[in-house]
Protein backbone atom coordinates (compact mmCIF):
# COMPACT_ATOMS: atom_id res chain seq x y z
CA UNK A 1 8.35 16.28 -7.31
CA UNK A 2 4.57 16.70 -7.13
CA UNK A 3 3.50 20.10 -5.87
CA UNK A 4 0.96 20.29 -3.06
CA UNK A 5 -2.16 22.39 -3.35
CA UNK A 6 -2.13 25.92 -1.89
CA UNK A 7 -4.52 24.94 0.91
CA UNK A 8 -2.68 21.75 1.85
CA UNK A 9 0.20 23.65 3.46
CA UNK A 10 -1.78 23.77 6.71
CA UNK A 11 -1.25 20.00 6.93
CA UNK A 12 2.51 20.23 6.39
CA UNK A 13 2.94 19.64 10.13
CA UNK A 14 3.52 16.72 12.49
CA UNK A 15 0.80 14.01 12.47
CA UNK A 16 -0.64 14.89 15.88
CA UNK A 17 -1.10 18.55 14.94
CA UNK A 18 -2.61 17.49 11.61
CA UNK A 19 -4.99 15.07 13.35
CA UNK A 20 -6.28 17.79 15.64
CA UNK A 21 -6.64 20.09 12.64
CA UNK A 22 -8.79 17.52 10.83
CA UNK A 23 -11.29 17.15 13.66
CA UNK A 24 -14.43 19.01 12.65
CA UNK A 25 -13.41 19.22 8.99
CA UNK A 26 -15.94 18.46 6.27
CA UNK A 27 -15.47 15.53 3.91
CA UNK A 28 -17.46 15.42 0.68
CA UNK A 29 -17.65 12.19 -1.28
CA UNK A 30 -19.97 11.28 -4.12
CA UNK A 31 -23.23 12.95 -3.03
CA UNK A 32 -22.54 12.60 0.71
CA UNK A 33 -21.23 15.28 3.07
CA UNK A 34 -19.88 14.36 6.50
CA UNK A 35 -18.29 15.97 9.57
CA UNK A 36 -15.10 14.25 10.72
CA UNK A 37 -15.50 13.33 14.40
CA UNK A 38 -12.68 10.84 15.02
CA UNK A 39 -9.13 10.49 13.68
CA UNK A 40 -5.85 8.69 14.41
CA UNK A 41 -2.35 9.98 13.76
CA UNK A 42 0.41 7.82 12.26
CA UNK A 43 4.08 8.67 11.86
CA UNK A 44 6.76 7.19 9.64
CA UNK A 45 9.98 5.19 9.40
CA UNK A 46 12.51 4.55 12.10
CA UNK A 47 15.04 7.35 11.87
CA UNK A 48 12.44 9.86 10.70
CA UNK A 49 10.98 12.69 12.78
CA UNK A 50 8.10 10.56 14.13
CA UNK A 51 9.08 6.87 14.20
CA UNK A 52 5.93 4.76 14.45
CA UNK A 53 6.05 0.97 14.36
CA UNK A 54 2.30 0.86 13.67
CA UNK A 55 2.52 3.01 10.54
CA UNK A 56 2.46 1.44 7.07
CA UNK A 57 5.45 3.63 6.25
CA UNK A 58 7.64 2.32 9.11
CA UNK A 59 9.80 0.12 6.85
CA UNK A 60 10.20 2.82 4.23
CA UNK A 61 8.50 3.60 0.91
CA UNK A 62 7.04 0.92 -1.33
CA UNK A 63 4.33 0.48 -3.93
CA UNK A 64 1.58 0.25 -1.32
CA UNK A 65 2.52 3.21 0.87
CA UNK A 66 4.20 5.62 -1.56
CA UNK A 67 1.42 8.20 -1.15
CA UNK A 68 2.24 8.48 2.58
CA UNK A 69 5.55 10.13 1.68
CA UNK A 70 3.85 13.27 0.41
CA UNK A 71 2.80 15.78 -0.58
CA UNK A 72 0.33 16.75 2.16
CA UNK A 73 -3.38 16.83 1.44
CA UNK A 74 -3.38 13.64 -0.63
CA UNK A 75 -5.64 10.68 0.09
CA UNK A 76 -3.88 7.48 1.12
CA UNK A 77 -6.30 4.56 0.71
CA UNK A 78 -5.63 0.96 1.68
CA UNK A 79 -7.58 -2.24 2.29
CA UNK A 80 -7.87 -3.48 5.87
CA UNK A 81 -7.72 -7.29 6.04
CA UNK A 82 -8.10 -7.26 2.28
CA UNK A 83 -11.75 -6.20 2.56
CA UNK A 84 -12.52 -2.72 3.88
CA UNK A 85 -11.13 0.44 2.27
CA UNK A 86 -9.72 2.92 4.79
CA UNK A 87 -8.95 6.59 4.10
CA UNK A 88 -6.02 8.63 5.40
CA UNK A 89 -5.05 12.24 4.88
CA UNK A 90 -1.33 12.64 4.18
CA UNK A 91 0.41 15.31 6.24
CA UNK A 92 3.96 16.57 6.95
CA UNK A 93 6.37 17.90 4.35
CA UNK A 94 6.72 16.30 0.94
CA UNK A 95 8.90 13.15 1.10
CA UNK A 96 8.39 12.85 4.89
CA UNK A 97 5.93 10.09 5.79
CA UNK A 98 2.96 10.77 8.06
CA UNK A 99 -0.80 10.48 7.73
CA UNK A 100 -4.06 10.72 9.65
CA UNK A 101 -6.59 7.90 9.51
CA UNK A 102 -10.21 9.05 9.26
CA UNK A 103 -11.94 6.83 11.81
CA UNK A 104 -15.50 8.18 11.97
CA UNK A 105 -17.76 10.88 10.61
CA UNK A 106 -21.28 12.21 11.07
CA UNK A 107 -23.32 12.28 7.87
CA UNK A 108 -24.72 15.77 7.34
CA UNK A 109 -26.23 15.48 3.88
CA UNK A 110 -26.88 12.59 1.54
CA UNK A 111 -28.10 10.34 4.35
CA UNK A 112 -30.25 8.38 1.93
CA UNK A 113 -27.29 7.76 -0.37
CA UNK A 114 -25.08 6.67 2.53
CA UNK A 115 -27.84 4.36 3.80
CA UNK A 116 -28.14 2.71 0.40
CA UNK A 117 -24.41 2.02 0.43
CA UNK A 118 -24.36 0.74 4.00
CA UNK A 119 -27.67 -1.12 4.21
CA UNK A 120 -31.17 -0.38 5.55
CA UNK A 121 -30.55 -1.84 9.03
CA UNK A 122 -27.71 0.60 9.87
CA UNK A 123 -28.68 3.43 12.21
CA UNK A 124 -27.83 7.00 11.10
CA UNK A 125 -25.18 7.44 13.81
CA UNK A 126 -23.40 4.28 12.64
CA UNK A 127 -23.36 5.02 8.90
CA UNK A 128 -19.75 6.28 8.95
CA UNK A 129 -18.60 4.90 12.32
CA UNK A 130 -15.32 3.08 11.78
CA UNK A 131 -12.79 3.59 8.97
CA UNK A 132 -14.25 1.00 6.59
CA UNK A 133 -17.81 2.17 7.13
CA UNK A 134 -16.76 5.78 6.56
CA UNK A 135 -15.34 4.91 3.14
CA UNK A 136 -18.37 2.82 2.25
CA UNK A 137 -20.80 5.59 3.20
CA UNK A 138 -18.93 8.22 1.18
CA UNK A 139 -18.19 6.00 -1.79
CA UNK A 140 -14.40 6.11 -1.32
CA UNK A 141 -12.60 3.33 -3.20
CA UNK A 142 -9.04 2.23 -3.89
CA UNK A 143 -9.20 4.11 -7.18
CA UNK A 144 -9.15 7.34 -5.13
CA UNK A 145 -5.70 6.59 -3.71
CA UNK A 146 -3.37 9.55 -4.25
CA UNK A 147 -5.96 12.17 -5.22
CA UNK A 148 -5.63 15.77 -4.03
CA UNK A 149 -8.32 16.26 -1.39
CA UNK A 150 -8.19 20.03 -1.89
CA UNK A 151 -8.89 19.88 -5.62
CA UNK A 152 -12.32 21.56 -5.99
CA UNK A 153 -13.11 19.30 -8.95
CA UNK A 154 -12.01 16.08 -7.25
CA UNK A 155 -14.39 13.20 -6.41
CA UNK A 156 -13.48 13.35 -2.71
CA UNK A 157 -12.93 16.76 -1.16
CA UNK A 158 -11.82 18.05 2.21
CA UNK A 159 -12.82 21.41 3.66
CA UNK A 160 -11.08 22.51 6.83
CA UNK A 161 -13.14 24.39 9.38
CA UNK A 162 -12.36 26.00 12.71
CA UNK A 163 -10.08 24.00 14.96
CA UNK A 164 -11.98 21.87 17.48
CA UNK A 165 -10.85 20.79 20.92
CA UNK A 166 -10.88 17.00 20.97
CA UNK A 167 -10.27 14.23 23.48
CA UNK A 168 -7.06 12.20 23.16
CA UNK A 169 -6.56 8.51 23.83
CA UNK A 170 -4.71 5.41 22.58
CA UNK A 171 -5.20 4.18 19.03
CA UNK A 172 -7.60 1.36 18.23
CA UNK A 173 -6.46 -2.17 17.40
CA UNK A 174 -2.72 -1.56 16.98
CA UNK A 175 -0.26 -4.01 18.52
CA UNK A 176 2.78 -1.71 18.45
CA UNK A 177 3.04 1.77 19.98
CA UNK A 178 -0.35 0.88 21.46
CA UNK A 179 -0.28 3.35 24.36
CA UNK A 180 0.53 6.35 22.23
CA UNK A 181 -2.38 8.84 22.71
CA UNK A 182 -2.69 9.60 19.01
CA UNK A 183 -6.43 9.00 18.60
CA UNK A 184 -8.62 12.11 18.81
CA UNK A 185 -12.38 12.50 18.86
CA UNK A 186 -15.11 15.05 19.49
CA UNK A 187 -16.79 14.64 22.86
CA UNK A 188 -20.41 13.60 23.00
CA UNK A 189 -20.68 12.44 19.40
CA UNK A 190 -22.54 9.12 19.01
CA UNK A 191 -20.74 8.48 15.73
CA UNK A 192 -17.37 7.93 17.48
CA UNK A 193 -16.25 4.30 17.51
CA UNK A 194 -15.62 2.27 20.65
CA UNK A 195 -12.06 1.76 21.87
CA UNK A 196 -10.76 -1.77 21.39
CA UNK A 197 -7.22 -2.69 22.33
CA UNK A 198 -5.49 -5.25 20.19
CA UNK A 199 -5.11 -8.64 21.95
CA UNK A 200 -1.56 -8.71 20.53
CA UNK A 201 -0.60 -5.45 22.24
CA UNK A 202 1.34 -5.45 25.52
CA UNK A 203 -0.59 -4.76 28.71
CA UNK A 204 -1.42 -1.07 29.16
CA UNK A 205 1.71 0.78 30.15
CA UNK A 206 3.94 -1.73 28.38
CA UNK A 207 4.11 0.14 25.09
CA UNK A 208 5.04 3.64 23.99
């Protein structure tokens, strides 16, 4: 069993609590520092404490999603549509699957570096808006999958700050459990992404 870092115990909680805890945290990645302004919580397998049909871990552990099963504080990285890398922070107890997707961040330092990675036409507020753009701006790659985000010598680091009150709403683009209000964001931040409901999801009110 892999031991979690001493700081990671604060994320050994349910995914919704962890998501709220991550709002306002600082993410440092390869010469860029960013404030996390939007997150989404994801649970685990059917029969677990937080069954979630939209979670990668819903059908149990496998090669792709093994990191989701703990310990907390690890980075779970995956490719969306085989193209964009997305970053999640693993939460809950070791061997219990749950994670929080980092949806958007505000670049606080290293703007020039982030702009080089994202392209000259991208406005500052959009540099890390959306999960794939966030990873691109901070230089997060699939090779970072499984790293300890609380390791002070790690390439990608997470620093928790004071808890922030966020707004809750349904998750973006999921076709199952689409009404679950497990997306959280900081009010008034231009970096937060727009809500888009999946066309494959039931009509509002027809899902959990």
